[in-house]
């Protein structure tokens, strides 16, 4: 084996949830090793420290449901399992996208006063209509109150 064979896999760890709470992360480690043995056809498997930290990051009871790994056959005769770095790059891109979004609302705050100056005319048109509605509502309630006053009188007469 003069060249290293390298493959990228997404390992589903959903069956880890079938094991007891206090053994799930240990079971996830064993499942990854078993997956590597099966797919890379070599019995000796080593996990990088980063993979282990990822599995144990949320404790023994809550390992991740899926993990994306790079498996490499080495010249020494074992399979090295490491975290797939493509995922980290996409996370960095998402963080960069999140930062401009925070900056944009500040710019929007500066831009909002200008449109607000242009919009008071439609807003002014909307204000009299709601002002009319409370009068209608108050008249409605006045009529209801009068009706309720009349009804008890009519009931008492019967």
C-alpha atoms as a PDB file:
ATOM      1  CA  UNK A   1       0.000   0.000   0.000  1.00  0.00           C
ATOM      2  CA  UNK A   2       2.160   2.841  -1.176  1.00  0.00           C
ATOM      3  CA  UNK A   3      -0.790   5.240  -1.334  1.00  0.00           C
ATOM      4  CA  UNK A   4      -3.222   6.010   1.474  1.00  0.00           C
ATOM      5  CA  UNK A   5      -6.853   5.261   0.681  1.00  0.00           C
ATOM      6  CA  UNK A   6      -9.119   8.025   1.940  1.00  0.00           C
ATOM      7  CA  UNK A   7     -12.927   8.036   2.034  1.00  0.00           C
ATOM      8  CA  UNK A   8     -15.542  10.298   3.554  1.00  0.00           C
ATOM      9  CA  UNK A   9     -18.623   8.821   5.236  1.00  0.00           C
ATOM     10  CA  UNK A  10     -21.637  10.050   7.152  1.00  0.00           C
ATOM     11  CA  UNK A  11     -22.243   7.576   9.949  1.00  0.00           C
ATOM     12  CA  UNK A  12     -25.771   7.329  11.320  1.00  0.00           C
ATOM     13  CA  UNK A  13     -25.610   6.872  15.082  1.00  0.00           C
ATOM     14  CA  UNK A  14     -29.363   6.766  15.624  1.00  0.00           C
ATOM     15  CA  UNK A  15     -29.285   3.224  17.014  1.00  0.00           C
ATOM     16  CA  UNK A  16     -27.196   4.518  19.899  1.00  0.00           C
ATOM     17  CA  UNK A  17     -30.470   5.686  21.418  1.00  0.00           C
ATOM     18  CA  UNK A  18     -31.538   2.061  21.838  1.00  0.00           C
ATOM     19  CA  UNK A  19     -28.791   1.501  24.415  1.00  0.00           C
ATOM     20  CA  UNK A  20     -29.132   2.655  28.043  1.00  0.00           C
ATOM     21  CA  UNK A  21     -28.520   6.338  28.801  1.00  0.00           C
ATOM     22  CA  UNK A  22     -25.296   5.776  30.686  1.00  0.00           C
ATOM     23  CA  UNK A  23     -23.637   3.847  27.827  1.00  0.00           C
ATOM     24  CA  UNK A  24     -24.580   5.803  24.699  1.00  0.00           C
ATOM     25  CA  UNK A  25     -21.322   7.633  23.968  1.00  0.00           C
ATOM     26  CA  UNK A  26     -19.321   4.438  24.523  1.00  0.00           C
ATOM     27  CA  UNK A  27     -21.673   2.634  22.154  1.00  0.00           C
ATOM     28  CA  UNK A  28     -21.230   5.418  19.564  1.00  0.00           C
ATOM     29  CA  UNK A  29     -17.447   4.923  19.657  1.00  0.00           C
ATOM     30  CA  UNK A  30     -17.910   1.180  19.139  1.00  0.00           C
ATOM     31  CA  UNK A  31     -20.365   1.774  16.276  1.00  0.00           C
ATOM     32  CA  UNK A  32     -17.868   4.025  14.479  1.00  0.00           C
ATOM     33  CA  UNK A  33     -15.110   1.438  14.873  1.00  0.00           C
ATOM     34  CA  UNK A  34     -17.435  -1.313  13.646  1.00  0.00           C
ATOM     35  CA  UNK A  35     -18.464   0.816  10.644  1.00  0.00           C
ATOM     36  CA  UNK A  36     -14.807   1.459   9.790  1.00  0.00           C
ATOM     37  CA  UNK A  37     -13.933  -2.255  10.004  1.00  0.00           C
ATOM     38  CA  UNK A  38     -16.813  -3.140   7.726  1.00  0.00           C
ATOM     39  CA  UNK A  39     -16.221  -0.492   5.058  1.00  0.00           C
ATOM     40  CA  UNK A  40     -12.418  -0.299   5.025  1.00  0.00           C
ATOM     41  CA  UNK A  41     -11.818  -4.072   5.442  1.00  0.00           C
ATOM     42  CA  UNK A  42      -9.139  -3.679   8.133  1.00  0.00           C
ATOM     43  CA  UNK A  43      -9.528  -4.857  11.729  1.00  0.00           C
ATOM     44  CA  UNK A  44      -7.340  -2.266  13.451  1.00  0.00           C
ATOM     45  CA  UNK A  45      -9.114   1.107  13.806  1.00  0.00           C
ATOM     46  CA  UNK A  46      -7.945   4.259  15.589  1.00  0.00           C
ATOM     47  CA  UNK A  47     -10.070   7.319  16.325  1.00  0.00           C
ATOM     48  CA  UNK A  48      -8.532  10.765  16.383  1.00  0.00           C
ATOM     49  CA  UNK A  49      -8.928  12.767  19.546  1.00  0.00           C
ATOM     50  CA  UNK A  50     -11.183  15.300  17.777  1.00  0.00           C
ATOM     51  CA  UNK A  51     -13.704  12.575  16.890  1.00  0.00           C
ATOM     52  CA  UNK A  52     -13.758  11.410  20.480  1.00  0.00           C
ATOM     53  CA  UNK A  53     -14.250  14.964  21.745  1.00  0.00           C
ATOM     54  CA  UNK A  54     -17.104  15.452  19.283  1.00  0.00           C
ATOM     55  CA  UNK A  55     -18.828  12.264  20.470  1.00  0.00           C
ATOM     56  CA  UNK A  56     -18.415  13.130  24.151  1.00  0.00           C
ATOM     57  CA  UNK A  57     -19.042  16.895  23.844  1.00  0.00           C
ATOM     58  CA  UNK A  58     -22.631  16.667  25.105  1.00  0.00           C
ATOM     59  CA  UNK A  59     -21.914  13.978  27.667  1.00  0.00           C
ATOM     60  CA  UNK A  60     -22.394  10.232  27.784  1.00  0.00           C
ATOM     61  CA  UNK A  61     -26.182  10.410  27.476  1.00  0.00           C
ATOM     62  CA  UNK A  62     -26.549  12.615  24.373  1.00  0.00           C
ATOM     63  CA  UNK A  63     -24.107  11.745  21.568  1.00  0.00           C
ATOM     64  CA  UNK A  64     -24.793  13.206  18.105  1.00  0.00           C
ATOM     65  CA  UNK A  65     -27.272  11.455  15.782  1.00  0.00           C
ATOM     66  CA  UNK A  66     -24.927  11.640  12.783  1.00  0.00           C
ATOM     67  CA  UNK A  67     -21.245  12.261  12.313  1.00  0.00           C
ATOM     68  CA  UNK A  68     -19.296  13.047   9.138  1.00  0.00           C
ATOM     69  CA  UNK A  69     -15.843  11.429   9.159  1.00  0.00           C
ATOM     70  CA  UNK A  70     -12.840  10.860   6.915  1.00  0.00           C
ATOM     71  CA  UNK A  71     -11.427   7.319   7.037  1.00  0.00           C
ATOM     72  CA  UNK A  72      -7.853   6.827   5.893  1.00  0.00           C
ATOM     73  CA  UNK A  73      -6.015   3.525   5.396  1.00  0.00           C
ATOM     74  CA  UNK A  74      -2.417   4.041   6.470  1.00  0.00           C
ATOM     75  CA  UNK A  75       0.774   2.232   5.484  1.00  0.00           C
ATOM     76  CA  UNK A  76       1.106   0.987   9.060  1.00  0.00           C
ATOM     77  CA  UNK A  77      -1.948  -1.226   8.568  1.00  0.00           C
ATOM     78  CA  UNK A  78      -4.704   0.560  10.455  1.00  0.00           C
ATOM     79  CA  UNK A  79      -7.626   2.850   9.674  1.00  0.00           C
ATOM     80  CA  UNK A  80      -7.480   6.394  11.046  1.00  0.00           C
ATOM     81  CA  UNK A  81     -10.887   8.008  11.608  1.00  0.00           C
ATOM     82  CA  UNK A  82     -10.904  11.824  11.703  1.00  0.00           C
ATOM     83  CA  UNK A  83     -13.501  14.577  11.456  1.00  0.00           C
ATOM     84  CA  UNK A  84     -14.338  15.626   7.895  1.00  0.00           C
ATOM     85  CA  UNK A  85     -12.956  19.143   7.479  1.00  0.00           C
ATOM     86  CA  UNK A  86     -15.433  20.172   4.783  1.00  0.00           C
ATOM     87  CA  UNK A  87     -18.066  20.566   7.478  1.00  0.00           C
ATOM     88  CA  UNK A  88     -15.886  23.001   9.420  1.00  0.00           C
ATOM     89  CA  UNK A  89     -15.436  25.188   6.353  1.00  0.00           C
ATOM     90  CA  UNK A  90     -19.184  25.434   5.821  1.00  0.00           C
ATOM     91  CA  UNK A  91     -19.669  26.312   9.498  1.00  0.00           C
ATOM     92  CA  UNK A  92     -17.122  29.111   9.135  1.00  0.00           C
ATOM     93  CA  UNK A  93     -18.995  30.402   6.084  1.00  0.00           C
ATOM     94  CA  UNK A  94     -22.260  30.390   8.040  1.00  0.00           C
ATOM     95  CA  UNK A  95     -20.605  32.367  10.839  1.00  0.00           C
ATOM     96  CA  UNK A  96     -19.338  34.907   8.321  1.00  0.00           C
ATOM     97  CA  UNK A  97     -22.827  35.202   6.869  1.00  0.00           C
ATOM     98  CA  UNK A  98     -24.277  35.706  10.337  1.00  0.00           C
ATOM     99  CA  UNK A  99     -21.938  38.619  11.070  1.00  0.00           C
ATOM    100  CA  UNK A 100     -23.019  40.726   8.048  1.00  0.00           C
ATOM    101  CA  UNK A 101     -26.648  40.132   9.008  1.00  0.00           C
ATOM    102  CA  UNK A 102     -25.921  41.760  12.353  1.00  0.00           C
ATOM    103  CA  UNK A 103     -24.332  44.735  10.587  1.00  0.00           C
ATOM    104  CA  UNK A 104     -27.182  45.111   8.084  1.00  0.00           C
ATOM    105  CA  UNK A 105     -29.899  45.779  10.705  1.00  0.00           C
ATOM    106  CA  UNK A 106     -27.815  48.706  11.945  1.00  0.00           C
ATOM    107  CA  UNK A 107     -27.773  50.073   8.429  1.00  0.00           C
ATOM    108  CA  UNK A 108     -31.488  49.513   8.141  1.00  0.00           C
ATOM    109  CA  UNK A 109     -32.051  51.554  11.290  1.00  0.00           C
ATOM    110  CA  UNK A 110     -30.260  54.431   9.611  1.00  0.00           C
ATOM    111  CA  UNK A 111     -32.296  53.956   6.433  1.00  0.00           C
ATOM    112  CA  UNK A 112     -35.660  53.672   8.177  1.00  0.00           C
ATOM    113  CA  UNK A 113     -36.051  57.368   9.087  1.00  0.00           C
ATOM    114  CA  UNK A 114     -35.977  58.326   5.417  1.00  0.00           C
ATOM    115  CA  UNK A 115     -38.822  55.964   4.387  1.00  0.00           C
ATOM    116  CA  UNK A 116     -40.768  56.941   7.497  1.00  0.00           C
ATOM    117  CA  UNK A 117     -40.720  60.551   6.355  1.00  0.00           C
ATOM    118  CA  UNK A 118     -42.147  59.512   3.021  1.00  0.00           C
ATOM    119  CA  UNK A 119     -44.769  57.248   4.613  1.00  0.00           C
ATOM    120  CA  UNK A 120     -46.551  59.584   7.088  1.00  0.00           C
ATOM    121  CA  UNK A 121     -49.107  60.534   4.454  1.00  0.00           C
ATOM    122  CA  UNK A 122     -50.470  56.979   4.153  1.00  0.00           C
ATOM    123  CA  UNK A 123     -50.151  56.592   7.911  1.00  0.00           C
ATOM    124  CA  UNK A 124     -52.156  59.786   8.383  1.00  0.00           C
ATOM    125  CA  UNK A 125     -54.880  58.354   6.183  1.00  0.00           C
ATOM    126  CA  UNK A 126     -54.962  55.213   8.293  1.00  0.00           C
ATOM    127  CA  UNK A 127     -55.200  57.042  11.593  1.00  0.00           C
ATOM    128  CA  UNK A 128     -58.636  58.670  11.058  1.00  0.00           C
ATOM    129  CA  UNK A 129     -60.174  55.321  10.175  1.00  0.00           C
ATOM    130  CA  UNK A 130     -59.165  53.712  13.481  1.00  0.00           C
ATOM    131  CA  UNK A 131     -60.279  56.869  15.242  1.00  0.00           C
ATOM    132  CA  UNK A 132     -63.704  56.380  13.682  1.00  0.00           C
ATOM    133  CA  UNK A 133     -63.826  52.753  14.734  1.00  0.00           C
ATOM    134  CA  UNK A 134     -63.551  53.442  18.465  1.00  0.00           C
ATOM    135  CA  UNK A 135     -66.488  55.836  18.134  1.00  0.00           C
ATOM    136  CA  UNK A 136     -68.440  53.082  16.397  1.00  0.00           C
ATOM    137  CA  UNK A 137     -67.415  50.670  19.090  1.00  0.00           C
ATOM    138  CA  UNK A 138     -68.409  53.031  21.865  1.00  0.00           C
ATOM    139  CA  UNK A 139     -71.772  53.632  20.159  1.00  0.00           C
ATOM    140  CA  UNK A 140     -72.182  49.902  19.796  1.00  0.00           C
ATOM    141  CA  UNK A 141     -71.569  49.369  23.489  1.00  0.00           C
ATOM    142  CA  UNK A 142     -73.900  52.216  24.411  1.00  0.00           C
ATOM    143  CA  UNK A 143     -76.669  50.572  22.405  1.00  0.00           C
ATOM    144  CA  UNK A 144     -75.930  47.229  24.048  1.00  0.00           C
ATOM    145  CA  UNK A 145     -76.066  48.800  27.495  1.00  0.00           C
ATOM    146  CA  UNK A 146     -79.371  50.462  26.673  1.00  0.00           C
ATOM    147  CA  UNK A 147     -80.774  47.168  25.361  1.00  0.00           C
ATOM    148  CA  UNK A 148     -79.711  45.320  28.470  1.00  0.00           C
ATOM    149  CA  UNK A 149     -81.348  47.978  30.608  1.00  0.00           C
ATOM    150  CA  UNK A 150     -84.550  47.645  28.603  1.00  0.00           C
ATOM    151  CA  UNK A 151     -84.606  43.866  28.682  1.00  0.00           C
ATOM    152  CA  UNK A 152     -84.655  43.450  32.443  1.00  0.00           C
ATOM    153  CA  UNK A 153     -87.522  45.918  32.594  1.00  0.00           C
ATOM    154  CA  UNK A 154     -89.488  43.961  30.028  1.00  0.00           C
ATOM    155  CA  UNK A 155     -88.708  40.702  31.838  1.00  0.00           C
ATOM    156  CA  UNK A 156     -89.886  42.062  35.125  1.00  0.00           C
ATOM    157  CA  UNK A 157     -93.194  43.070  33.543  1.00  0.00           C
ATOM    158  CA  UNK A 158     -93.879  39.558  32.269  1.00  0.00           C
END
